[in-house]
N, C-alpha and C. Protein backbone atom coordinates (compact mmCIF):
# COMPACT_ATOMS: atom_id res chain seq x y z
N UNK A 1 -43.82 -50.98 145.38
CA UNK A 1 -44.24 -50.85 143.99
C UNK A 1 -43.08 -51.14 143.05
N UNK A 2 -41.89 -50.65 143.38
CA UNK A 2 -40.72 -50.93 142.56
C UNK A 2 -40.39 -52.41 142.61
N UNK A 3 -40.53 -53.01 143.80
CA UNK A 3 -40.25 -54.44 143.96
C UNK A 3 -41.17 -55.29 143.09
N UNK A 4 -42.44 -54.95 143.00
CA UNK A 4 -43.38 -55.70 142.18
C UNK A 4 -43.04 -55.59 140.70
N UNK A 5 -42.58 -54.43 140.28
CA UNK A 5 -42.23 -54.22 138.88
C UNK A 5 -41.02 -55.08 138.50
N UNK A 6 -40.01 -55.12 139.37
CA UNK A 6 -38.82 -55.94 139.11
C UNK A 6 -39.20 -57.41 139.11
N UNK A 7 -40.02 -57.82 140.07
CA UNK A 7 -40.46 -59.21 140.15
C UNK A 7 -41.23 -59.60 138.88
N UNK A 8 -42.06 -58.70 138.39
CA UNK A 8 -42.83 -58.94 137.16
C UNK A 8 -41.92 -59.07 135.95
N UNK A 9 -40.86 -58.26 135.91
CA UNK A 9 -39.91 -58.34 134.80
C UNK A 9 -39.14 -59.66 134.85
N UNK A 10 -38.76 -60.09 136.06
CA UNK A 10 -38.05 -61.36 136.19
C UNK A 10 -38.93 -62.52 135.75
N UNK A 11 -40.19 -62.50 136.15
CA UNK A 11 -41.11 -63.57 135.74
C UNK A 11 -41.30 -63.58 134.23
N UNK A 12 -41.40 -62.39 133.65
CA UNK A 12 -41.55 -62.30 132.19
C UNK A 12 -40.30 -62.83 131.49
N UNK A 13 -39.13 -62.50 132.03
CA UNK A 13 -37.87 -62.98 131.46
C UNK A 13 -37.77 -64.50 131.59
N UNK A 14 -38.13 -65.04 132.76
CA UNK A 14 -38.10 -66.48 132.97
C UNK A 14 -39.09 -67.18 132.03
N UNK A 15 -40.25 -66.61 131.87
CA UNK A 15 -41.26 -67.19 130.97
C UNK A 15 -40.76 -67.17 129.53
N UNK A 16 -40.13 -66.07 129.17
CA UNK A 16 -39.58 -65.95 127.82
C UNK A 16 -38.50 -67.00 127.58
N UNK A 17 -37.60 -67.16 128.54
CA UNK A 17 -36.54 -68.17 128.43
C UNK A 17 -37.12 -69.58 128.36
N UNK A 18 -38.15 -69.83 129.18
CA UNK A 18 -38.78 -71.14 129.19
C UNK A 18 -39.45 -71.45 127.85
N UNK A 19 -40.16 -70.46 127.30
CA UNK A 19 -40.80 -70.65 125.99
C UNK A 19 -39.76 -70.84 124.89
N UNK A 20 -38.65 -70.11 124.97
CA UNK A 20 -37.58 -70.26 123.98
C UNK A 20 -36.99 -71.67 124.05
N UNK A 21 -36.81 -72.20 125.25
CA UNK A 21 -36.29 -73.55 125.43
C UNK A 21 -37.24 -74.59 124.84
N UNK A 22 -38.53 -74.40 125.07
CA UNK A 22 -39.53 -75.32 124.51
C UNK A 22 -39.49 -75.26 122.98
N UNK A 23 -39.42 -74.06 122.42
CA UNK A 23 -39.37 -73.91 120.96
C UNK A 23 -38.12 -74.57 120.39
N UNK A 24 -36.98 -74.38 121.04
CA UNK A 24 -35.73 -75.00 120.59
C UNK A 24 -35.83 -76.51 120.63
N UNK A 25 -36.41 -77.05 121.70
CA UNK A 25 -36.57 -78.50 121.81
C UNK A 25 -37.47 -79.05 120.71
N UNK A 26 -38.55 -78.35 120.44
CA UNK A 26 -39.48 -78.79 119.39
C UNK A 26 -38.80 -78.74 118.03
N UNK A 27 -38.08 -77.66 117.75
CA UNK A 27 -37.37 -77.55 116.47
C UNK A 27 -36.31 -78.62 116.33
N UNK A 28 -35.60 -78.91 117.40
CA UNK A 28 -34.51 -79.88 117.34
C UNK A 28 -35.01 -81.30 117.08
N UNK A 29 -36.24 -81.58 117.45
CA UNK A 29 -36.76 -82.94 117.26
C UNK A 29 -37.78 -83.04 116.13
N UNK A 30 -38.13 -81.93 115.50
CA UNK A 30 -39.10 -81.94 114.41
C UNK A 30 -38.45 -82.53 113.16
N UNK A 31 -39.05 -83.58 112.57
CA UNK A 31 -38.43 -84.23 111.41
C UNK A 31 -38.47 -83.39 110.14
N UNK A 32 -39.14 -82.24 110.14
CA UNK A 32 -39.17 -81.38 108.96
C UNK A 32 -38.61 -79.99 109.22
N UNK A 33 -38.06 -79.75 110.39
CA UNK A 33 -37.57 -78.41 110.73
C UNK A 33 -36.17 -78.19 110.15
N UNK A 34 -35.98 -76.98 109.65
CA UNK A 34 -34.68 -76.53 109.19
C UNK A 34 -34.46 -75.16 109.82
N UNK A 35 -33.38 -75.03 110.59
CA UNK A 35 -33.11 -73.74 111.20
C UNK A 35 -31.61 -73.51 111.30
N UNK A 36 -31.25 -72.23 111.34
CA UNK A 36 -29.86 -71.81 111.35
C UNK A 36 -29.49 -71.26 112.72
N UNK A 37 -28.27 -71.59 113.14
CA UNK A 37 -27.71 -71.05 114.37
C UNK A 37 -26.26 -70.69 114.06
N UNK A 38 -26.00 -69.42 113.86
CA UNK A 38 -24.67 -68.92 113.47
C UNK A 38 -24.23 -69.57 112.16
N UNK A 39 -23.12 -70.33 112.16
CA UNK A 39 -22.61 -70.96 110.94
C UNK A 39 -23.06 -72.40 110.79
N UNK A 40 -24.07 -72.80 111.52
CA UNK A 40 -24.56 -74.17 111.47
C UNK A 40 -26.03 -74.19 111.10
N UNK A 41 -26.39 -75.12 110.23
CA UNK A 41 -27.79 -75.33 109.87
C UNK A 41 -28.18 -76.70 110.39
N UNK A 42 -29.27 -76.75 111.12
CA UNK A 42 -29.80 -78.01 111.63
C UNK A 42 -31.00 -78.37 110.76
N UNK A 43 -30.99 -79.60 110.27
CA UNK A 43 -32.05 -80.01 109.36
C UNK A 43 -32.61 -81.38 109.75
N UNK A 44 -33.91 -81.45 109.84
CA UNK A 44 -34.63 -82.71 109.99
C UNK A 44 -34.24 -83.50 111.23
N UNK A 45 -33.78 -82.87 112.25
CA UNK A 45 -33.43 -83.48 113.53
C UNK A 45 -32.28 -84.47 113.44
N UNK A 46 -31.75 -84.73 112.27
CA UNK A 46 -30.66 -85.68 112.11
C UNK A 46 -29.39 -85.08 111.51
N UNK A 47 -29.52 -83.97 110.81
CA UNK A 47 -28.40 -83.43 110.03
C UNK A 47 -27.91 -82.10 110.58
N UNK A 48 -26.61 -81.91 110.49
CA UNK A 48 -25.99 -80.61 110.77
C UNK A 48 -25.15 -80.25 109.57
N UNK A 49 -25.32 -79.03 109.10
CA UNK A 49 -24.50 -78.51 108.01
C UNK A 49 -23.67 -77.39 108.61
N UNK A 50 -22.36 -77.62 108.66
CA UNK A 50 -21.45 -76.69 109.33
C UNK A 50 -20.57 -76.02 108.29
N UNK A 51 -20.52 -74.69 108.33
CA UNK A 51 -19.70 -73.94 107.38
C UNK A 51 -18.28 -73.82 107.90
N UNK A 52 -17.33 -74.24 107.07
CA UNK A 52 -15.90 -74.07 107.35
C UNK A 52 -15.30 -73.34 106.16
N UNK A 53 -14.88 -72.13 106.37
CA UNK A 53 -14.30 -71.24 105.35
C UNK A 53 -15.10 -71.29 104.05
N UNK A 54 -14.71 -72.11 103.08
CA UNK A 54 -15.37 -72.10 101.78
C UNK A 54 -16.12 -73.39 101.47
N UNK A 55 -16.38 -74.21 102.49
CA UNK A 55 -17.13 -75.44 102.24
C UNK A 55 -18.09 -75.72 103.39
N UNK A 56 -19.03 -76.59 103.11
CA UNK A 56 -20.04 -76.98 104.09
C UNK A 56 -19.91 -78.47 104.36
N UNK A 57 -19.71 -78.81 105.61
CA UNK A 57 -19.62 -80.22 106.00
C UNK A 57 -20.99 -80.69 106.47
N UNK A 58 -21.36 -81.88 106.03
CA UNK A 58 -22.64 -82.46 106.44
C UNK A 58 -22.35 -83.56 107.45
N UNK A 59 -23.02 -83.46 108.59
CA UNK A 59 -22.92 -84.46 109.65
C UNK A 59 -24.30 -85.06 109.86
N UNK A 60 -24.36 -86.36 109.95
CA UNK A 60 -25.62 -87.04 110.21
C UNK A 60 -25.48 -87.79 111.52
N UNK A 61 -26.26 -87.40 112.50
CA UNK A 61 -26.23 -88.01 113.83
C UNK A 61 -24.79 -88.09 114.36
N UNK A 62 -24.09 -86.98 114.31
CA UNK A 62 -22.72 -86.82 114.82
C UNK A 62 -21.66 -87.59 114.05
N UNK A 63 -21.97 -88.09 112.85
CA UNK A 63 -20.99 -88.74 111.99
C UNK A 63 -20.80 -87.90 110.74
N UNK A 64 -19.52 -87.64 110.38
CA UNK A 64 -19.24 -86.88 109.17
C UNK A 64 -19.67 -87.68 107.96
N UNK A 65 -20.34 -87.01 107.01
CA UNK A 65 -20.82 -87.70 105.82
C UNK A 65 -20.09 -87.21 104.57
N UNK A 66 -20.19 -85.92 104.27
CA UNK A 66 -19.63 -85.40 103.02
C UNK A 66 -19.49 -83.88 103.12
N UNK A 67 -18.71 -83.31 102.21
CA UNK A 67 -18.56 -81.85 102.13
C UNK A 67 -19.10 -81.36 100.80
N UNK A 68 -19.64 -80.14 100.82
CA UNK A 68 -20.17 -79.50 99.62
C UNK A 68 -19.64 -78.08 99.56
N UNK A 69 -19.71 -77.49 98.37
CA UNK A 69 -19.20 -76.13 98.23
C UNK A 69 -20.28 -75.08 98.45
N UNK A 70 -21.54 -75.47 98.50
CA UNK A 70 -22.59 -74.47 98.74
C UNK A 70 -23.63 -75.02 99.71
N UNK A 71 -24.27 -74.10 100.36
CA UNK A 71 -25.30 -74.45 101.34
C UNK A 71 -26.51 -75.08 100.65
N UNK A 72 -26.88 -74.58 99.48
CA UNK A 72 -28.03 -75.12 98.74
C UNK A 72 -27.81 -76.59 98.40
N UNK A 73 -26.61 -76.91 97.94
CA UNK A 73 -26.31 -78.30 97.57
C UNK A 73 -26.30 -79.18 98.81
N UNK A 74 -25.75 -78.67 99.90
CA UNK A 74 -25.70 -79.45 101.14
C UNK A 74 -27.11 -79.75 101.64
N UNK A 75 -27.98 -78.76 101.61
CA UNK A 75 -29.35 -78.98 102.08
C UNK A 75 -30.11 -79.91 101.14
N UNK A 76 -29.90 -79.77 99.84
CA UNK A 76 -30.54 -80.68 98.88
C UNK A 76 -30.05 -82.11 99.10
N UNK A 77 -28.76 -82.27 99.38
CA UNK A 77 -28.22 -83.60 99.65
C UNK A 77 -28.91 -84.20 100.89
N UNK A 78 -29.09 -83.40 101.92
CA UNK A 78 -29.76 -83.88 103.14
C UNK A 78 -31.19 -84.32 102.84
N UNK A 79 -31.88 -83.56 102.00
CA UNK A 79 -33.26 -83.92 101.64
C UNK A 79 -33.26 -85.26 100.90
N UNK A 80 -32.35 -85.41 99.93
CA UNK A 80 -32.29 -86.68 99.20
C UNK A 80 -31.97 -87.84 100.15
N UNK A 81 -31.05 -87.62 101.06
CA UNK A 81 -30.68 -88.67 101.99
C UNK A 81 -31.85 -89.02 102.91
N UNK A 82 -32.57 -88.00 103.35
CA UNK A 82 -33.72 -88.21 104.24
C UNK A 82 -34.76 -89.11 103.58
N UNK A 83 -34.98 -88.93 102.29
CA UNK A 83 -35.98 -89.71 101.57
C UNK A 83 -35.38 -90.89 100.80
N UNK A 84 -34.17 -91.29 101.18
CA UNK A 84 -33.49 -92.45 100.60
C UNK A 84 -33.33 -92.37 99.08
N UNK A 85 -33.08 -91.19 98.59
CA UNK A 85 -32.84 -90.97 97.16
C UNK A 85 -31.32 -90.95 96.92
N UNK A 86 -30.71 -92.12 97.07
CA UNK A 86 -29.26 -92.23 97.02
C UNK A 86 -28.71 -91.83 95.65
N UNK A 87 -29.37 -92.26 94.59
CA UNK A 87 -28.91 -91.93 93.24
C UNK A 87 -28.92 -90.43 93.02
N UNK A 88 -30.00 -89.77 93.42
CA UNK A 88 -30.07 -88.31 93.27
C UNK A 88 -29.01 -87.61 94.11
N UNK A 89 -28.79 -88.08 95.33
CA UNK A 89 -27.79 -87.48 96.21
C UNK A 89 -26.40 -87.62 95.61
N UNK A 90 -26.07 -88.82 95.12
CA UNK A 90 -24.75 -89.04 94.51
C UNK A 90 -24.59 -88.25 93.22
N UNK A 91 -25.66 -88.16 92.43
CA UNK A 91 -25.61 -87.39 91.19
C UNK A 91 -25.37 -85.92 91.47
N UNK A 92 -25.99 -85.40 92.53
CA UNK A 92 -25.79 -84.00 92.91
C UNK A 92 -24.33 -83.74 93.26
N UNK A 93 -23.73 -84.64 94.02
CA UNK A 93 -22.31 -84.47 94.38
C UNK A 93 -21.42 -84.59 93.14
N UNK A 94 -21.77 -85.51 92.24
CA UNK A 94 -21.01 -85.67 91.00
C UNK A 94 -21.08 -84.38 90.17
N UNK A 95 -22.27 -83.82 90.03
CA UNK A 95 -22.42 -82.58 89.26
C UNK A 95 -21.65 -81.44 89.90
N UNK A 96 -21.65 -81.39 91.22
CA UNK A 96 -20.90 -80.34 91.91
C UNK A 96 -19.40 -80.48 91.65
N UNK A 97 -18.89 -81.71 91.69
CA UNK A 97 -17.47 -81.93 91.40
C UNK A 97 -17.14 -81.54 89.96
N UNK A 98 -18.03 -81.88 89.04
CA UNK A 98 -17.82 -81.49 87.64
C UNK A 98 -17.82 -79.96 87.50
N UNK A 99 -18.73 -79.31 88.20
CA UNK A 99 -18.81 -77.85 88.15
C UNK A 99 -17.53 -77.21 88.69
N UNK A 100 -17.03 -77.72 89.80
CA UNK A 100 -15.78 -77.19 90.37
C UNK A 100 -14.62 -77.41 89.41
N UNK A 101 -14.60 -78.55 88.74
CA UNK A 101 -13.56 -78.81 87.74
C UNK A 101 -13.62 -77.84 86.59
N UNK A 102 -14.83 -77.53 86.13
CA UNK A 102 -14.98 -76.56 85.03
C UNK A 102 -14.55 -75.17 85.46
N UNK A 103 -14.82 -74.80 86.69
CA UNK A 103 -14.36 -73.50 87.19
C UNK A 103 -12.85 -73.42 87.14
N UNK A 104 -12.19 -74.47 87.59
CA UNK A 104 -10.72 -74.50 87.58
C UNK A 104 -10.20 -74.45 86.14
N UNK A 105 -10.85 -75.19 85.27
CA UNK A 105 -10.44 -75.22 83.87
C UNK A 105 -10.55 -73.83 83.24
N UNK A 106 -11.66 -73.13 83.51
CA UNK A 106 -11.85 -71.79 82.95
C UNK A 106 -10.82 -70.81 83.52
N UNK A 107 -10.51 -70.93 84.81
CA UNK A 107 -9.49 -70.06 85.40
C UNK A 107 -8.13 -70.31 84.74
N UNK A 108 -7.83 -71.57 84.47
CA UNK A 108 -6.56 -71.91 83.81
C UNK A 108 -6.52 -71.28 82.41
N UNK A 109 -7.61 -71.41 81.65
CA UNK A 109 -7.64 -70.82 80.31
C UNK A 109 -7.49 -69.32 80.35
N UNK A 110 -8.15 -68.66 81.30
CA UNK A 110 -8.04 -67.20 81.41
C UNK A 110 -6.62 -66.78 81.76
N UNK A 111 -6.00 -67.52 82.65
CA UNK A 111 -4.62 -67.22 83.02
C UNK A 111 -3.70 -67.39 81.82
N UNK A 112 -3.91 -68.46 81.06
CA UNK A 112 -3.07 -68.73 79.89
C UNK A 112 -3.27 -67.67 78.81
N UNK A 113 -4.50 -67.23 78.61
CA UNK A 113 -4.78 -66.20 77.61
C UNK A 113 -4.08 -64.89 77.96
N UNK A 114 -4.00 -64.57 79.23
CA UNK A 114 -3.39 -63.32 79.68
C UNK A 114 -1.88 -63.37 79.78
N UNK A 115 -1.28 -64.54 79.58
CA UNK A 115 0.18 -64.61 79.66
C UNK A 115 0.81 -63.94 78.44
N UNK A 116 2.03 -63.48 78.59
CA UNK A 116 2.71 -62.73 77.52
C UNK A 116 3.37 -63.65 76.49
N UNK A 117 3.62 -64.89 76.86
CA UNK A 117 4.36 -65.79 75.98
C UNK A 117 3.44 -66.65 75.11
N UNK A 118 2.27 -66.17 74.83
CA UNK A 118 1.31 -66.95 74.05
C UNK A 118 1.26 -66.40 72.63
N UNK A 119 1.20 -67.30 71.67
CA UNK A 119 1.11 -66.90 70.27
C UNK A 119 -0.35 -66.62 69.91
N UNK A 120 -0.58 -65.88 68.83
CA UNK A 120 -1.96 -65.62 68.42
C UNK A 120 -2.76 -66.91 68.14
N UNK A 121 -2.10 -67.91 67.60
CA UNK A 121 -2.78 -69.18 67.32
C UNK A 121 -3.17 -69.88 68.64
N UNK A 122 -2.26 -69.88 69.60
CA UNK A 122 -2.56 -70.48 70.90
C UNK A 122 -3.70 -69.72 71.60
N UNK A 123 -3.67 -68.40 71.47
CA UNK A 123 -4.73 -67.58 72.08
C UNK A 123 -6.09 -67.94 71.48
N UNK A 124 -6.14 -68.08 70.16
CA UNK A 124 -7.40 -68.42 69.48
C UNK A 124 -7.90 -69.79 69.91
N UNK A 125 -7.01 -70.76 69.98
CA UNK A 125 -7.39 -72.11 70.40
C UNK A 125 -7.89 -72.09 71.85
N UNK A 126 -7.19 -71.36 72.69
CA UNK A 126 -7.57 -71.29 74.11
C UNK A 126 -8.90 -70.56 74.28
N UNK A 127 -9.14 -69.51 73.49
CA UNK A 127 -10.43 -68.82 73.56
C UNK A 127 -11.57 -69.75 73.15
N UNK A 128 -11.34 -70.58 72.13
CA UNK A 128 -12.36 -71.55 71.73
C UNK A 128 -12.62 -72.56 72.85
N UNK A 129 -11.54 -73.03 73.47
CA UNK A 129 -11.70 -73.98 74.58
C UNK A 129 -12.43 -73.31 75.75
N UNK A 130 -12.12 -72.05 75.99
CA UNK A 130 -12.80 -71.32 77.06
C UNK A 130 -14.29 -71.20 76.78
N UNK A 131 -14.65 -70.91 75.54
CA UNK A 131 -16.07 -70.82 75.18
C UNK A 131 -16.78 -72.15 75.41
N UNK A 132 -16.15 -73.25 75.03
CA UNK A 132 -16.74 -74.58 75.24
C UNK A 132 -16.89 -74.84 76.74
N UNK A 133 -15.85 -74.51 77.52
CA UNK A 133 -15.90 -74.72 78.97
C UNK A 133 -17.00 -73.88 79.60
N UNK A 134 -17.21 -72.64 79.12
CA UNK A 134 -18.29 -71.79 79.65
C UNK A 134 -19.65 -72.41 79.37
N UNK A 135 -19.83 -72.94 78.16
CA UNK A 135 -21.10 -73.59 77.82
C UNK A 135 -21.34 -74.81 78.70
N UNK A 136 -20.30 -75.60 78.91
CA UNK A 136 -20.42 -76.79 79.76
C UNK A 136 -20.70 -76.39 81.20
N UNK A 137 -20.08 -75.31 81.65
CA UNK A 137 -20.30 -74.80 83.00
C UNK A 137 -21.77 -74.40 83.18
N UNK A 138 -22.31 -73.66 82.21
CA UNK A 138 -23.72 -73.25 82.30
C UNK A 138 -24.65 -74.46 82.28
N UNK A 139 -24.31 -75.45 81.49
CA UNK A 139 -25.11 -76.68 81.45
C UNK A 139 -25.09 -77.39 82.80
N UNK A 140 -23.92 -77.47 83.41
CA UNK A 140 -23.81 -78.09 84.73
C UNK A 140 -24.61 -77.33 85.78
N UNK A 141 -24.57 -76.00 85.71
CA UNK A 141 -25.35 -75.19 86.67
C UNK A 141 -26.85 -75.46 86.51
N UNK A 142 -27.31 -75.59 85.25
CA UNK A 142 -28.72 -75.89 85.02
C UNK A 142 -29.08 -77.26 85.57
N UNK A 143 -28.20 -78.25 85.39
CA UNK A 143 -28.46 -79.59 85.90
C UNK A 143 -28.51 -79.59 87.42
N UNK A 144 -27.61 -78.82 88.05
CA UNK A 144 -27.61 -78.73 89.51
C UNK A 144 -28.91 -78.06 89.99
N UNK A 145 -29.33 -77.00 89.31
CA UNK A 145 -30.59 -76.34 89.69
C UNK A 145 -31.78 -77.28 89.55
N UNK A 146 -31.78 -78.10 88.49
CA UNK A 146 -32.86 -79.08 88.32
C UNK A 146 -32.84 -80.09 89.46
N UNK A 147 -31.65 -80.52 89.82
CA UNK A 147 -31.52 -81.49 90.91
C UNK A 147 -31.99 -80.89 92.23
N UNK A 148 -31.66 -79.64 92.48
CA UNK A 148 -32.12 -78.96 93.69
C UNK A 148 -33.64 -78.82 93.67
N UNK A 149 -34.21 -78.56 92.51
CA UNK A 149 -35.67 -78.48 92.41
C UNK A 149 -36.33 -79.83 92.68
N UNK A 150 -35.67 -80.92 92.29
CA UNK A 150 -36.18 -82.25 92.61
C UNK A 150 -36.16 -82.46 94.12
N UNK A 151 -35.11 -82.01 94.77
CA UNK A 151 -35.03 -82.12 96.24
C UNK A 151 -36.15 -81.31 96.88
N UNK A 152 -36.42 -80.12 96.35
CA UNK A 152 -37.52 -79.31 96.87
C UNK A 152 -38.84 -80.04 96.70
N UNK A 153 -39.00 -80.72 95.56
CA UNK A 153 -40.22 -81.49 95.34
C UNK A 153 -40.37 -82.58 96.40
N UNK A 154 -39.29 -83.32 96.67
CA UNK A 154 -39.34 -84.38 97.68
C UNK A 154 -39.70 -83.81 99.04
N UNK A 155 -39.12 -82.67 99.39
CA UNK A 155 -39.42 -82.08 100.69
C UNK A 155 -40.87 -81.62 100.75
N UNK A 156 -41.35 -81.01 99.67
CA UNK A 156 -42.75 -80.57 99.65
C UNK A 156 -43.68 -81.76 99.73
N UNK A 157 -43.31 -82.84 99.07
CA UNK A 157 -44.11 -84.07 99.13
C UNK A 157 -44.18 -84.57 100.58
N UNK A 158 -43.07 -84.47 101.32
CA UNK A 158 -43.06 -84.84 102.73
C UNK A 158 -43.97 -83.96 103.56
N UNK A 159 -43.97 -82.65 103.26
CA UNK A 159 -44.87 -81.74 103.97
C UNK A 159 -46.32 -82.09 103.68
N UNK A 160 -46.62 -82.37 102.41
CA UNK A 160 -47.98 -82.71 102.04
C UNK A 160 -48.45 -83.97 102.75
N UNK A 161 -47.58 -84.98 102.81
CA UNK A 161 -47.94 -86.22 103.50
C UNK A 161 -48.17 -85.98 104.98
N UNK A 162 -47.41 -85.06 105.55
CA UNK A 162 -47.55 -84.78 106.98
C UNK A 162 -48.84 -84.04 107.28
N UNK A 163 -49.29 -83.21 106.35
CA UNK A 163 -50.46 -82.37 106.63
C UNK A 163 -51.77 -82.96 106.13
N UNK A 164 -51.73 -84.06 105.43
CA UNK A 164 -52.97 -84.67 104.97
C UNK A 164 -53.67 -85.32 106.17
N UNK A 165 -54.88 -84.88 106.41
CA UNK A 165 -55.65 -85.40 107.53
C UNK A 165 -57.03 -85.83 106.99
N UNK A 166 -57.57 -86.89 107.51
CA UNK A 166 -58.91 -87.27 107.06
C UNK A 166 -59.93 -86.21 107.48
N UNK A 167 -60.85 -85.94 106.59
CA UNK A 167 -61.86 -84.93 106.87
C UNK A 167 -62.99 -85.55 107.69
N UNK A 168 -63.49 -84.77 108.58
CA UNK A 168 -64.67 -85.17 109.34
C UNK A 168 -65.89 -84.65 108.60
N UNK A 169 -66.73 -85.58 108.19
CA UNK A 169 -67.90 -85.15 107.44
C UNK A 169 -69.15 -85.41 108.28
N UNK A 170 -70.11 -84.58 108.10
CA UNK A 170 -71.37 -84.73 108.82
C UNK A 170 -72.29 -85.63 107.99
N UNK A 171 -72.77 -86.68 108.58
CA UNK A 171 -73.67 -87.59 107.87
C UNK A 171 -75.10 -87.27 108.13
């Protein structure tokens, strides 16, 4: 009786492993699947997004393509690339670079404002520049969010095309 119970557990474990392998194979080859495994995101059977410290590297079919500072941008870039939206993909990277530049600019202004060797006039000018940089930063974030929403639209459009099936009607 104990032997049958152990044998049953082994069969259940083997069946579980076999089903997991089948699921992994299907996910790895599905052109619309996106799944995470530790610090790596696999997307659309062609892309890998790998996290390295503070950036995400995008690999397409084992070739390095580009790096991004956020996972959302990396995934949106993959969607644009999948649907041959080169202009949108390049614009997204351009906006991200502009956003990173604005972050650095704002940090520089904050550091300068807090220094002891600054005159009141310099402080006022720097505060005005900081306000302008903050406004530009918020504008860039909105543009990036719009671009990501466009990528979501393209992906949803792909799902819709995949699920459209002709209806069987009774005559």
